[in-house]
Amino acid sequence: MIIYEDNLFYIEKEESEIPWLKIFTKEPYRELGDMPKELRVTLWEIYDILEYEMKHFYTPKKINMASFANMLPRVHIHVMARFENDSYFPNPMWGEKMRESKLNFSDEEEFHRRVFNALSSRAK
């Protein structure tokens, strides 16, 4: 599900037990170094906004950022709010499951609205 989109980027929600967003460039650059410098700067501005909103909305133990791009060979950044009681903590979400967990984030739509508003404000 796409929660934000402009002419250069879009933000997609990853289906997961934790708050997890992915930043994509509209242009399918293979590597960060293939992107024009101004676009890389904008990418990190967007990352900063997502991290800030996750930290202040969910108060996680840690924010994880990842960009493997082996399965989907194009620039995209994963931004994940991690909690000590999530199923995989302290392992990465692609790692070994440590426990069964049922986290409840019923206010997810409000979080997405905050992200949308923050990113929309940045674009002006």
PDB file of N, CA and C in Angstrom:
ATOM      1  N   MET A   1       0.843  -1.175   0.000  1.00  0.00           N
ATOM      2  CA  MET A   1       0.000   0.000   0.000  1.00  0.00           C
ATOM      3  C   MET A   1       0.892   1.243   0.000  1.00  0.00           C
ATOM      4  N   ILE A   2       0.675   2.128  -0.940  1.00  0.00           N
ATOM      5  CA  ILE A   2       1.415   3.382  -1.024  1.00  0.00           C
ATOM      6  C   ILE A   2       0.742   4.409  -0.117  1.00  0.00           C
ATOM      7  N   ILE A   3       1.544   5.027   0.771  1.00  0.00           N
ATOM      8  CA  ILE A   3       0.979   6.029   1.680  1.00  0.00           C
ATOM      9  C   ILE A   3       1.383   7.458   1.308  1.00  0.00           C
ATOM     10  N   TYR A   4       2.363   7.591   0.405  1.00  0.00           N
ATOM     11  CA  TYR A   4       2.777   8.915  -0.068  1.00  0.00           C
ATOM     12  C   TYR A   4       3.431   8.745  -1.432  1.00  0.00           C
ATOM     13  N   GLU A   5       3.230   9.756  -2.286  1.00  0.00           N
ATOM     14  CA  GLU A   5       3.858   9.728  -3.603  1.00  0.00           C
ATOM     15  C   GLU A   5       4.015  11.153  -4.113  1.00  0.00           C
ATOM     16  N   ASP A   6       5.179  11.427  -4.693  1.00  0.00           N
ATOM     17  CA  ASP A   6       5.376  12.684  -5.406  1.00  0.00           C
ATOM     18  C   ASP A   6       6.034  12.350  -6.739  1.00  0.00           C
ATOM     19  N   ASN A   7       6.605  13.334  -7.412  1.00  0.00           N
ATOM     20  CA  ASN A   7       7.146  13.071  -8.745  1.00  0.00           C
ATOM     21  C   ASN A   7       8.485  12.322  -8.725  1.00  0.00           C
ATOM     22  N   LEU A   8       9.134  12.198  -7.561  1.00  0.00           N
ATOM     23  CA  LEU A   8      10.438  11.537  -7.477  1.00  0.00           C
ATOM     24  C   LEU A   8      10.458  10.270  -6.627  1.00  0.00           C
ATOM     25  N   PHE A   9       9.593  10.206  -5.608  1.00  0.00           N
ATOM     26  CA  PHE A   9       9.618   9.111  -4.638  1.00  0.00           C
ATOM     27  C   PHE A   9       8.210   8.630  -4.314  1.00  0.00           C
ATOM     28  N   TYR A  10       8.141   7.441  -3.764  1.00  0.00           N
ATOM     29  CA  TYR A  10       6.909   6.999  -3.118  1.00  0.00           C
ATOM     30  C   TYR A  10       7.277   6.188  -1.886  1.00  0.00           C
ATOM     31  N   ILE A  11       6.353   6.190  -0.916  1.00  0.00           N
ATOM     32  CA  ILE A  11       6.538   5.475   0.344  1.00  0.00           C
ATOM     33  C   ILE A  11       5.490   4.384   0.399  1.00  0.00           C
ATOM     34  N   GLU A  12       5.963   3.193   0.667  1.00  0.00           N
ATOM     35  CA  GLU A  12       5.087   2.021   0.696  1.00  0.00           C
ATOM     36  C   GLU A  12       5.128   1.392   2.084  1.00  0.00           C
ATOM     37  N   LYS A  13       3.981   0.937   2.537  1.00  0.00           N
ATOM     38  CA  LYS A  13       3.878   0.215   3.805  1.00  0.00           C
ATOM     39  C   LYS A  13       4.163  -1.264   3.541  1.00  0.00           C
ATOM     40  N   GLU A  14       5.028  -1.837   4.350  1.00  0.00           N
ATOM     41  CA  GLU A  14       5.299  -3.275   4.303  1.00  0.00           C
ATOM     42  C   GLU A  14       4.343  -3.956   5.280  1.00  0.00           C
ATOM     43  N   GLU A  15       3.693  -5.011   4.851  1.00  0.00           N
ATOM     44  CA  GLU A  15       2.824  -5.773   5.751  1.00  0.00           C
ATOM     45  C   GLU A  15       3.705  -6.497   6.758  1.00  0.00           C
ATOM     46  N   SER A  16       3.542  -6.167   8.019  1.00  0.00           N
ATOM     47  CA  SER A  16       4.389  -6.705   9.074  1.00  0.00           C
ATOM     48  C   SER A  16       3.747  -6.464  10.424  1.00  0.00           C
ATOM     49  N   GLU A  17       4.265  -7.133  11.433  1.00  0.00           N
ATOM     50  CA  GLU A  17       3.775  -6.905  12.793  1.00  0.00           C
ATOM     51  C   GLU A  17       4.310  -5.603  13.370  1.00  0.00           C
ATOM     52  N   ILE A  18       5.337  -5.028  12.754  1.00  0.00           N
ATOM     53  CA  ILE A  18       5.930  -3.776  13.231  1.00  0.00           C
ATOM     54  C   ILE A  18       5.646  -2.660  12.224  1.00  0.00           C
ATOM     55  N   PRO A  19       5.734  -1.409  12.659  1.00  0.00           N
ATOM     56  CA  PRO A  19       5.661  -0.297  11.704  1.00  0.00           C
ATOM     57  C   PRO A  19       6.874  -0.378  10.773  1.00  0.00           C
ATOM     58  N   TRP A  20       6.608  -0.480   9.470  1.00  0.00           N
ATOM     59  CA  TRP A  20       7.675  -0.721   8.496  1.00  0.00           C
ATOM     60  C   TRP A  20       7.302  -0.024   7.196  1.00  0.00           C
ATOM     61  N   LEU A  21       8.111   0.938   6.813  1.00  0.00           N
ATOM     62  CA  LEU A  21       7.898   1.674   5.575  1.00  0.00           C
ATOM     63  C   LEU A  21       9.095   1.476   4.657  1.00  0.00           C
ATOM     64  N   LYS A  22       8.847   1.635   3.358  1.00  0.00           N
ATOM     65  CA  LYS A  22       9.921   1.532   2.371  1.00  0.00           C
ATOM     66  C   LYS A  22       9.884   2.772   1.490  1.00  0.00           C
ATOM     67  N   ILE A  23      11.057   3.345   1.267  1.00  0.00           N
ATOM     68  CA  ILE A  23      11.208   4.510   0.400  1.00  0.00           C
ATOM     69  C   ILE A  23      11.698   4.011  -0.957  1.00  0.00           C
ATOM     70  N   PHE A  24      10.985   4.362  -2.017  1.00  0.00           N
ATOM     71  CA  PHE A  24      11.372   4.002  -3.372  1.00  0.00           C
ATOM     72  C   PHE A  24      11.581   5.250  -4.206  1.00  0.00           C
ATOM     73  N   THR A  25      12.559   5.211  -5.092  1.00  0.00           N
ATOM     74  CA  THR A  25      12.675   6.240  -6.112  1.00  0.00           C
ATOM     75  C   THR A  25      11.746   5.845  -7.246  1.00  0.00           C
ATOM     76  N   LYS A  26      11.150   6.833  -7.897  1.00  0.00           N
ATOM     77  CA  LYS A  26      10.294   6.535  -9.048  1.00  0.00           C
ATOM     78  C   LYS A  26      11.139   5.957 -10.184  1.00  0.00           C
ATOM     79  N   GLU A  27      12.290   6.561 -10.410  1.00  0.00           N
ATOM     80  CA  GLU A  27      13.224   6.052 -11.410  1.00  0.00           C
ATOM     81  C   GLU A  27      13.924   4.833 -10.797  1.00  0.00           C
ATOM     82  N   PRO A  28      13.963   3.712 -11.493  1.00  0.00           N
ATOM     83  CA  PRO A  28      14.534   2.495 -10.895  1.00  0.00           C
ATOM     84  C   PRO A  28      16.067   2.451 -10.948  1.00  0.00           C
ATOM     85  N   TYR A  29      16.717   3.343 -10.176  1.00  0.00           N
ATOM     86  CA  TYR A  29      18.179   3.319 -10.105  1.00  0.00           C
ATOM     87  C   TYR A  29      18.635   2.011  -9.460  1.00  0.00           C
ATOM     88  N   ARG A  30      19.700   1.457  -9.974  1.00  0.00           N
ATOM     89  CA  ARG A  30      20.199   0.188  -9.443  1.00  0.00           C
ATOM     90  C   ARG A  30      20.964   0.389  -8.132  1.00  0.00           C
ATOM     91  N   GLU A  31      21.786   1.417  -8.066  1.00  0.00           N
ATOM     92  CA  GLU A  31      22.616   1.687  -6.886  1.00  0.00           C
ATOM     93  C   GLU A  31      22.443   3.135  -6.450  1.00  0.00           C
ATOM     94  N   LEU A  32      22.699   3.399  -5.169  1.00  0.00           N
ATOM     95  CA  LEU A  32      22.629   4.778  -4.680  1.00  0.00           C
ATOM     96  C   LEU A  32      23.555   5.691  -5.476  1.00  0.00           C
ATOM     97  N   GLY A  33      24.729   5.199  -5.815  1.00  0.00           N
ATOM     98  CA  GLY A  33      25.686   5.992  -6.570  1.00  0.00           C
ATOM     99  C   GLY A  33      25.246   6.302  -7.985  1.00  0.00           C
ATOM    100  N   ASP A  34      24.241   5.600  -8.488  1.00  0.00           N
ATOM    101  CA  ASP A  34      23.705   5.885  -9.819  1.00  0.00           C
ATOM    102  C   ASP A  34      22.750   7.083  -9.805  1.00  0.00           C
ATOM    103  N   MET A  35      22.301   7.458  -8.616  1.00  0.00           N
ATOM    104  CA  MET A  35      21.358   8.562  -8.492  1.00  0.00           C
ATOM    105  C   MET A  35      22.077   9.903  -8.561  1.00  0.00           C
ATOM    106  N   PRO A  36      21.438  10.923  -9.145  1.00  0.00           N
ATOM    107  CA  PRO A  36      22.027  12.263  -9.061  1.00  0.00           C
ATOM    108  C   PRO A  36      22.161  12.671  -7.593  1.00  0.00           C
ATOM    109  N   LYS A  37      23.215  13.426  -7.289  1.00  0.00           N
ATOM    110  CA  LYS A  37      23.497  13.804  -5.903  1.00  0.00           C
ATOM    111  C   LYS A  37      22.305  14.483  -5.229  1.00  0.00           C
ATOM    112  N   GLU A  38      21.617  15.381  -5.948  1.00  0.00           N
ATOM    113  CA  GLU A  38      20.472  16.091  -5.345  1.00  0.00           C
ATOM    114  C   GLU A  38      19.374  15.115  -4.926  1.00  0.00           C
ATOM    115  N   LEU A  39      19.206  14.064  -5.697  1.00  0.00           N
ATOM    116  CA  LEU A  39      18.190  13.057  -5.385  1.00  0.00           C
ATOM    117  C   LEU A  39      18.591  12.249  -4.158  1.00  0.00           C
ATOM    118  N   ARG A  40      19.892  11.953  -4.032  1.00  0.00           N
ATOM    119  CA  ARG A  40      20.378  11.248  -2.836  1.00  0.00           C
ATOM    120  C   ARG A  40      20.148  12.094  -1.587  1.00  0.00           C
ATOM    121  N   VAL A  41      20.385  13.393  -1.698  1.00  0.00           N
ATOM    122  CA  VAL A  41      20.153  14.298  -0.564  1.00  0.00           C
ATOM    123  C   VAL A  41      18.675  14.267  -0.188  1.00  0.00           C
ATOM    124  N   THR A  42      17.800  14.317  -1.180  1.00  0.00           N
ATOM    125  CA  THR A  42      16.357  14.267  -0.920  1.00  0.00           C
ATOM    126  C   THR A  42      15.965  12.936  -0.287  1.00  0.00           C
ATOM    127  N   LEU A  43      16.557  11.849  -0.746  1.00  0.00           N
ATOM    128  CA  LEU A  43      16.282  10.531  -0.161  1.00  0.00           C
ATOM    129  C   LEU A  43      16.562  10.540   1.339  1.00  0.00           C
ATOM    130  N   TRP A  44      17.700  11.105   1.744  1.00  0.00           N
ATOM    131  CA  TRP A  44      18.041  11.121   3.169  1.00  0.00           C
ATOM    132  C   TRP A  44      17.176  12.105   3.946  1.00  0.00           C
ATOM    133  N   GLU A  45      16.707  13.166   3.314  1.00  0.00           N
ATOM    134  CA  GLU A  45      15.742  14.051   3.970  1.00  0.00           C
ATOM    135  C   GLU A  45      14.447  13.286   4.251  1.00  0.00           C
ATOM    136  N   ILE A  46      14.013  12.506   3.294  1.00  0.00           N
ATOM    137  CA  ILE A  46      12.801  11.695   3.478  1.00  0.00           C
ATOM    138  C   ILE A  46      13.025  10.661   4.572  1.00  0.00           C
ATOM    139  N   TYR A  47      14.179  10.009   4.546  1.00  0.00           N
ATOM    140  CA  TYR A  47      14.496   9.043   5.607  1.00  0.00           C
ATOM    141  C   TYR A  47      14.427   9.714   6.982  1.00  0.00           C
ATOM    142  N   ASP A  48      15.026  10.892   7.117  1.00  0.00           N
ATOM    143  CA  ASP A  48      15.009  11.616   8.399  1.00  0.00           C
ATOM    144  C   ASP A  48      13.580  11.856   8.879  1.00  0.00           C
ATOM    145  N   ILE A  49      12.700  12.227   7.964  1.00  0.00           N
ATOM    146  CA  ILE A  49      11.299  12.469   8.332  1.00  0.00           C
ATOM    147  C   ILE A  49      10.644  11.181   8.812  1.00  0.00           C
ATOM    148  N   LEU A  50      10.841  10.090   8.079  1.00  0.00           N
ATOM    149  CA  LEU A  50      10.228   8.817   8.485  1.00  0.00           C
ATOM    150  C   LEU A  50      10.754   8.365   9.841  1.00  0.00           C
ATOM    151  N   GLU A  51      12.060   8.460  10.032  1.00  0.00           N
ATOM    152  CA  GLU A  51      12.640   8.065  11.319  1.00  0.00           C
ATOM    153  C   GLU A  51      12.064   8.916  12.450  1.00  0.00           C
ATOM    154  N   TYR A  52      12.026  10.223  12.255  1.00  0.00           N
ATOM    155  CA  TYR A  52      11.486  11.126  13.273  1.00  0.00           C
ATOM    156  C   TYR A  52      10.042  10.756  13.617  1.00  0.00           C
ATOM    157  N   GLU A  53       9.211  10.580  12.601  1.00  0.00           N
ATOM    158  CA  GLU A  53       7.803  10.265  12.848  1.00  0.00           C
ATOM    159  C   GLU A  53       7.649   8.921  13.563  1.00  0.00           C
ATOM    160  N   MET A  54       8.419   7.917  13.175  1.00  0.00           N
ATOM    161  CA  MET A  54       8.349   6.607  13.843  1.00  0.00           C
ATOM    162  C   MET A  54       8.775   6.719  15.304  1.00  0.00           C
ATOM    163  N   LYS A  55       9.891   7.402  15.544  1.00  0.00           N
ATOM    164  CA  LYS A  55      10.395   7.538  16.915  1.00  0.00           C
ATOM    165  C   LYS A  55       9.388   8.249  17.808  1.00  0.00           C
ATOM    166  N   HIS A  56       8.792   9.310  17.297  1.00  0.00           N
ATOM    167  CA  HIS A  56       7.909  10.116  18.133  1.00  0.00           C
ATOM    168  C   HIS A  56       6.487   9.577  18.227  1.00  0.00           C
ATOM    169  N   PHE A  57       6.077   8.800  17.263  1.00  0.00           N
ATOM    170  CA  PHE A  57       4.726   8.242  17.302  1.00  0.00           C
ATOM    171  C   PHE A  57       4.683   6.921  18.066  1.00  0.00           C
ATOM    172  N   TYR A  58       5.660   6.046  17.821  1.00  0.00           N
ATOM    173  CA  TYR A  58       5.631   4.693  18.397  1.00  0.00           C
ATOM    174  C   TYR A  58       6.570   4.491  19.580  1.00  0.00           C
ATOM    175  N   THR A  59       7.546   5.339  19.778  1.00  0.00           N
ATOM    176  CA  THR A  59       8.551   5.197  20.818  1.00  0.00           C
ATOM    177  C   THR A  59       9.163   3.783  20.831  1.00  0.00           C
ATOM    178  N   PRO A  60       9.760   3.376  19.726  1.00  0.00           N
ATOM    179  CA  PRO A  60      10.357   2.046  19.657  1.00  0.00           C
ATOM    180  C   PRO A  60      11.668   1.961  20.429  1.00  0.00           C
ATOM    181  N   LYS A  61      12.136   0.755  20.626  1.00  0.00           N
ATOM    182  CA  LYS A  61      13.451   0.536  21.228  1.00  0.00           C
ATOM    183  C   LYS A  61      14.541   1.000  20.261  1.00  0.00           C
ATOM    184  N   LYS A  62      14.319   0.794  18.964  1.00  0.00           N
ATOM    185  CA  LYS A  62      15.331   1.087  17.941  1.00  0.00           C
ATOM    186  C   LYS A  62      14.646   1.285  16.595  1.00  0.00           C
ATOM    187  N   ILE A  63      15.244   2.107  15.758  1.00  0.00           N
ATOM    188  CA  ILE A  63      14.826   2.212  14.358  1.00  0.00           C
ATOM    189  C   ILE A  63      15.863   1.461  13.532  1.00  0.00           C
ATOM    190  N   ASN A  64      15.417   0.550  12.693  1.00  0.00           N
ATOM    191  CA  ASN A  64      16.314  -0.162  11.782  1.00  0.00           C
ATOM    192  C   ASN A  64      16.150   0.403  10.388  1.00  0.00           C
ATOM    193  N   MET A  65      17.271   0.472   9.680  1.00  0.00           N
ATOM    194  CA  MET A  65      17.283   0.898   8.291  1.00  0.00           C
ATOM    195  C   MET A  65      18.037  -0.168   7.513  1.00  0.00           C
ATOM    196  N   ALA A  66      17.509  -0.535   6.349  1.00  0.00           N
ATOM    197  CA  ALA A  66      18.170  -1.561   5.544  1.00  0.00           C
ATOM    198  C   ALA A  66      17.987  -1.269   4.062  1.00  0.00           C
ATOM    199  N   SER A  67      18.965  -1.731   3.296  1.00  0.00           N
ATOM    200  CA  SER A  67      18.880  -1.634   1.845  1.00  0.00           C
ATOM    201  C   SER A  67      19.750  -2.732   1.246  1.00  0.00           C
ATOM    202  N   PHE A  68      19.167  -3.902   1.074  1.00  0.00           N
ATOM    203  CA  PHE A  68      19.919  -5.011   0.496  1.00  0.00           C
ATOM    204  C   PHE A  68      19.782  -5.006  -1.022  1.00  0.00           C
ATOM    205  N   ALA A  69      18.570  -4.903  -1.493  1.00  0.00           N
ATOM    206  CA  ALA A  69      18.258  -4.810  -2.928  1.00  0.00           C
ATOM    207  C   ALA A  69      18.824  -5.956  -3.752  1.00  0.00           C
ATOM    208  N   ASN A  70      18.887  -7.130  -3.175  1.00  0.00           N
ATOM    209  CA  ASN A  70      19.313  -8.299  -3.942  1.00  0.00           C
ATOM    210  C   ASN A  70      18.132  -8.932  -4.663  1.00  0.00           C
ATOM    211  N   MET A  71      17.016  -9.050  -3.978  1.00  0.00           N
ATOM    212  CA  MET A  71      15.816  -9.632  -4.570  1.00  0.00           C
ATOM    213  C   MET A  71      15.106  -8.640  -5.481  1.00  0.00           C
ATOM    214  N   LEU A  72      15.126  -7.391  -5.106  1.00  0.00           N
ATOM    215  CA  LEU A  72      14.535  -6.301  -5.894  1.00  0.00           C
ATOM    216  C   LEU A  72      15.678  -5.335  -6.206  1.00  0.00           C
ATOM    217  N   PRO A  73      16.401  -5.553  -7.311  1.00  0.00           N
ATOM    218  CA  PRO A  73      17.640  -4.812  -7.567  1.00  0.00           C
ATOM    219  C   PRO A  73      17.425  -3.375  -8.019  1.00  0.00           C
ATOM    220  N   ARG A  74      16.914  -2.577  -7.122  1.00  0.00           N
ATOM    221  CA  ARG A  74      16.734  -1.144  -7.364  1.00  0.00           C
ATOM    222  C   ARG A  74      16.796  -0.439  -6.019  1.00  0.00           C
ATOM    223  N   VAL A  75      17.091   0.845  -6.051  1.00  0.00           N
ATOM    224  CA  VAL A  75      17.222   1.607  -4.814  1.00  0.00           C
ATOM    225  C   VAL A  75      15.897   1.623  -4.073  1.00  0.00           C
ATOM    226  N   HIS A  76      15.942   1.167  -2.829  1.00  0.00           N
ATOM    227  CA  HIS A  76      14.842   1.321  -1.889  1.00  0.00           C
ATOM    228  C   HIS A  76      15.391   1.136  -0.484  1.00  0.00           C
ATOM    229  N   ILE A  77      14.837   1.880   0.455  1.00  0.00           N
ATOM    230  CA  ILE A  77      15.302   1.877   1.837  1.00  0.00           C
ATOM    231  C   ILE A  77      14.167   1.423   2.740  1.00  0.00           C
ATOM    232  N   HIS A  78      14.447   0.428   3.575  1.00  0.00           N
ATOM    233  CA  HIS A  78      13.490  -0.052   4.577  1.00  0.00           C
ATOM    234  C   HIS A  78      13.702   0.747   5.866  1.00  0.00           C
ATOM    235  N   VAL A  79      12.615   1.199   6.477  1.00  0.00           N
ATOM    236  CA  VAL A  79      12.662   1.922   7.745  1.00  0.00           C
ATOM    237  C   VAL A  79      11.695   1.205   8.680  1.00  0.00           C
ATOM    238  N   MET A  80      12.242   0.642   9.777  1.00  0.00           N
ATOM    239  CA  MET A  80      11.450  -0.229  10.646  1.00  0.00           C
ATOM    240  C   MET A  80      11.552   0.203  12.107  1.00  0.00           C
ATOM    241  N   ALA A  81      10.422   0.290  12.780  1.00  0.00           N
ATOM    242  CA  ALA A  81      10.392   0.547  14.220  1.00  0.00           C
ATOM    243  C   ALA A  81      10.472  -0.806  14.927  1.00  0.00           C
ATOM    244  N   ARG A  82      11.467  -0.967  15.783  1.00  0.00           N
ATOM    245  CA  ARG A  82      11.691  -2.255  16.449  1.00  0.00           C
ATOM    246  C   ARG A  82      11.393  -2.152  17.938  1.00  0.00           C
ATOM    247  N   PHE A  83      10.870  -3.247  18.462  1.00  0.00           N
ATOM    248  CA  PHE A  83      10.453  -3.320  19.855  1.00  0.00           C
ATOM    249  C   PHE A  83      11.030  -4.586  20.482  1.00  0.00           C
ATOM    250  N   GLU A  84      11.400  -4.501  21.747  1.00  0.00           N
ATOM    251  CA  GLU A  84      12.005  -5.655  22.421  1.00  0.00           C
ATOM    252  C   GLU A  84      11.103  -6.877  22.401  1.00  0.00           C
ATOM    253  N   ASN A  85       9.793  -6.668  22.300  1.00  0.00           N
ATOM    254  CA  ASN A  85       8.875  -7.804  22.311  1.00  0.00           C
ATOM    255  C   ASN A  85       8.339  -8.154  20.930  1.00  0.00           C
ATOM    256  N   ASP A  86       8.958  -7.601  19.835  1.00  0.00           N
ATOM    257  CA  ASP A  86       8.522  -8.067  18.520  1.00  0.00           C
ATOM    258  C   ASP A  86       9.095  -9.466  18.280  1.00  0.00           C
ATOM    259  N   SER A  87       8.562 -10.170  17.334  1.00  0.00           N
ATOM    260  CA  SER A  87       8.884 -11.591  17.137  1.00  0.00           C
ATOM    261  C   SER A  87      10.349 -11.869  16.834  1.00  0.00           C
ATOM    262  N   TYR A  88      11.067 -10.907  16.294  1.00  0.00           N
ATOM    263  CA  TYR A  88      12.428 -11.154  15.835  1.00  0.00           C
ATOM    264  C   TYR A  88      13.509 -10.463  16.659  1.00  0.00           C
ATOM    265  N   PHE A  89      13.138  -9.483  17.467  1.00  0.00           N
ATOM    266  CA  PHE A  89      14.117  -8.690  18.218  1.00  0.00           C
ATOM    267  C   PHE A  89      14.990  -9.576  19.093  1.00  0.00           C
ATOM    268  N   PRO A  90      16.291  -9.405  19.093  1.00  0.00           N
ATOM    269  CA  PRO A  90      17.104  -8.358  18.486  1.00  0.00           C
ATOM    270  C   PRO A  90      17.569  -8.679  17.058  1.00  0.00           C
ATOM    271  N   ASN A  91      17.130  -9.797  16.509  1.00  0.00           N
ATOM    272  CA  ASN A  91      17.524 -10.172  15.154  1.00  0.00           C
ATOM    273  C   ASN A  91      16.874  -9.257  14.123  1.00  0.00           C
ATOM    274  N   PRO A  92      17.435  -9.224  12.914  1.00  0.00           N
ATOM    275  CA  PRO A  92      16.762  -8.482  11.844  1.00  0.00           C
ATOM    276  C   PRO A  92      15.443  -9.152  11.495  1.00  0.00           C
ATOM    277  N   MET A  93      14.557  -8.409  10.879  1.00  0.00           N
ATOM    278  CA  MET A  93      13.241  -8.954  10.531  1.00  0.00           C
ATOM    279  C   MET A  93      13.344 -10.102   9.527  1.00  0.00           C
ATOM    280  N   TRP A  94      14.461 -10.227   8.837  1.00  0.00           N
ATOM    281  CA  TRP A  94      14.671 -11.326   7.904  1.00  0.00           C
ATOM    282  C   TRP A  94      15.395 -12.487   8.586  1.00  0.00           C
ATOM    283  N   GLY A  95      15.687 -12.348   9.888  1.00  0.00           N
ATOM    284  CA  GLY A  95      16.465 -13.345  10.609  1.00  0.00           C
ATOM    285  C   GLY A  95      15.600 -14.400  11.275  1.00  0.00           C
ATOM    286  N   GLU A  96      16.182 -15.028  12.277  1.00  0.00           N
ATOM    287  CA  GLU A  96      15.506 -16.090  13.008  1.00  0.00           C
ATOM    288  C   GLU A  96      14.466 -15.504  13.960  1.00  0.00           C
ATOM    289  N   LYS A  97      13.280 -16.069  13.915  1.00  0.00           N
ATOM    290  CA  LYS A  97      12.198 -15.647  14.807  1.00  0.00           C
ATOM    291  C   LYS A  97      12.534 -16.098  16.223  1.00  0.00           C
ATOM    292  N   MET A  98      12.412 -15.188  17.166  1.00  0.00           N
ATOM    293  CA  MET A  98      12.788 -15.457  18.554  1.00  0.00           C
ATOM    294  C   MET A  98      11.597 -15.852  19.433  1.00  0.00           C
ATOM    295  N   ARG A  99      10.402 -15.412  19.057  1.00  0.00           N
ATOM    296  CA  ARG A  99       9.218 -15.638  19.902  1.00  0.00           C
ATOM    297  C   ARG A  99       7.977 -15.342  19.074  1.00  0.00           C
ATOM    298  N   GLU A 100       6.830 -15.749  19.564  1.00  0.00           N
ATOM    299  CA  GLU A 100       5.553 -15.336  18.978  1.00  0.00           C
ATOM    300  C   GLU A 100       5.169 -14.013  19.633  1.00  0.00           C
ATOM    301  N   SER A 101       4.703 -13.089  18.842  1.00  0.00           N
ATOM    302  CA  SER A 101       4.343 -11.786  19.370  1.00  0.00           C
ATOM    303  C   SER A 101       3.090 -11.277  18.678  1.00  0.00           C
ATOM    304  N   LYS A 102       2.267 -10.587  19.421  1.00  0.00           N
ATOM    305  CA  LYS A 102       1.053  -9.965  18.878  1.00  0.00           C
ATOM    306  C   LYS A 102       1.064  -8.492  19.274  1.00  0.00           C
ATOM    307  N   LEU A 103       1.808  -7.702  18.533  1.00  0.00           N
ATOM    308  CA  LEU A 103       1.829  -6.263  18.786  1.00  0.00           C
ATOM    309  C   LEU A 103       0.584  -5.645  18.162  1.00  0.00           C
ATOM    310  N   ASN A 104       0.059  -4.618  18.796  1.00  0.00           N
ATOM    311  CA  ASN A 104      -1.157  -3.989  18.305  1.00  0.00           C
ATOM    312  C   ASN A 104      -0.892  -2.513  18.023  1.00  0.00           C
ATOM    313  N   PHE A 105      -0.985  -2.152  16.765  1.00  0.00           N
ATOM    314  CA  PHE A 105      -0.811  -0.765  16.360  1.00  0.00           C
ATOM    315  C   PHE A 105      -2.087  -0.305  15.664  1.00  0.00           C
ATOM    316  N   SER A 106      -3.140  -0.169  16.440  1.00  0.00           N
ATOM    317  CA  SER A 106      -4.448   0.185  15.889  1.00  0.00           C
ATOM    318  C   SER A 106      -4.489   1.612  15.342  1.00  0.00           C
ATOM    319  N   ASP A 107      -3.507   2.422  15.706  1.00  0.00           N
ATOM    320  CA  ASP A 107      -3.485   3.812  15.269  1.00  0.00           C
ATOM    321  C   ASP A 107      -2.614   4.011  14.028  1.00  0.00           C
ATOM    322  N   GLU A 108      -2.431   2.962  13.260  1.00  0.00           N
ATOM    323  CA  GLU A 108      -1.574   3.004  12.079  1.00  0.00           C
ATOM    324  C   GLU A 108      -2.015   4.067  11.068  1.00  0.00           C
ATOM    325  N   GLU A 109      -3.292   4.237  10.865  1.00  0.00           N
ATOM    326  CA  GLU A 109      -3.767   5.245   9.916  1.00  0.00           C
ATOM    327  C   GLU A 109      -3.350   6.647  10.335  1.00  0.00           C
ATOM    328  N   GLU A 110      -3.381   6.921  11.630  1.00  0.00           N
ATOM    329  CA  GLU A 110      -2.936   8.225  12.128  1.00  0.00           C
ATOM    330  C   GLU A 110      -1.438   8.407  11.866  1.00  0.00           C
ATOM    331  N   PHE A 111      -0.661   7.366  12.074  1.00  0.00           N
ATOM    332  CA  PHE A 111       0.771   7.431  11.777  1.00  0.00           C
ATOM    333  C   PHE A 111       0.993   7.727  10.295  1.00  0.00           C
ATOM    334  N   HIS A 112       0.292   7.023   9.429  1.00  0.00           N
ATOM    335  CA  HIS A 112       0.426   7.256   7.986  1.00  0.00           C
ATOM    336  C   HIS A 112       0.018   8.684   7.620  1.00  0.00           C
ATOM    337  N   ARG A 113      -1.001   9.202   8.259  1.00  0.00           N
ATOM    338  CA  ARG A 113      -1.447  10.581   8.014  1.00  0.00           C
ATOM    339  C   ARG A 113      -0.344  11.572   8.424  1.00  0.00           C
ATOM    340  N   ARG A 114       0.289  11.317   9.566  1.00  0.00           N
ATOM    341  CA  ARG A 114       1.383  12.190  10.018  1.00  0.00           C
ATOM    342  C   ARG A 114       2.551  12.157   9.042  1.00  0.00           C
ATOM    343  N   VAL A 115       2.897  10.960   8.568  1.00  0.00           N
ATOM    344  CA  VAL A 115       3.982  10.825   7.593  1.00  0.00           C
ATOM    345  C   VAL A 115       3.621  11.576   6.310  1.00  0.00           C
ATOM    346  N   PHE A 116       2.419  11.368   5.837  1.00  0.00           N
ATOM    347  CA  PHE A 116       1.957  12.045   4.619  1.00  0.00           C
ATOM    348  C   PHE A 116       2.048  13.561   4.779  1.00  0.00           C
ATOM    349  N   ASN A 117       1.551  14.069   5.888  1.00  0.00           N
ATOM    350  CA  ASN A 117       1.564  15.512   6.121  1.00  0.00           C
ATOM    351  C   ASN A 117       2.984  16.062   6.219  1.00  0.00           C
ATOM    352  N   ALA A 118       3.859  15.351   6.914  1.00  0.00           N
ATOM    353  CA  ALA A 118       5.250  15.797   7.057  1.00  0.00           C
ATOM    354  C   ALA A 118       5.959  15.813   5.702  1.00  0.00           C
ATOM    355  N   LEU A 119       5.735  14.773   4.896  1.00  0.00           N
ATOM    356  CA  LEU A 119       6.366  14.728   3.583  1.00  0.00           C
ATOM    357  C   LEU A 119       5.761  15.771   2.641  1.00  0.00           C
ATOM    358  N   SER A 120       4.475  15.977   2.731  1.00  0.00           N
ATOM    359  CA  SER A 120       3.817  16.992   1.899  1.00  0.00           C
ATOM    360  C   SER A 120       4.325  18.380   2.256  1.00  0.00           C
ATOM    361  N   SER A 121       4.546  18.648   3.522  1.00  0.00           N
ATOM    362  CA  SER A 121       5.070  19.951   3.963  1.00  0.00           C
ATOM    363  C   SER A 121       6.479  20.167   3.446  1.00  0.00           C
ATOM    364  N   ARG A 122       7.270  19.105   3.394  1.00  0.00           N
ATOM    365  CA  ARG A 122       8.648  19.189   2.912  1.00  0.00           C
ATOM    366  C   ARG A 122       8.675  19.598   1.448  1.00  0.00           C
ATOM    367  N   ALA A 123       7.716  19.125   0.705  1.00  0.00           N
ATOM    368  CA  ALA A 123       7.705  19.346  -0.750  1.00  0.00           C
ATOM    369  C   ALA A 123       7.339  20.790  -1.113  1.00  0.00           C
ATOM    370  N   LYS A 124       6.827  21.557  -0.178  1.00  0.00           N
ATOM    371  CA  LYS A 124       6.387  22.930  -0.495  1.00  0.00           C
ATOM    372  C   LYS A 124       7.500  23.930  -0.401  1.00  0.00           C
TER     373      LYS A 124
END
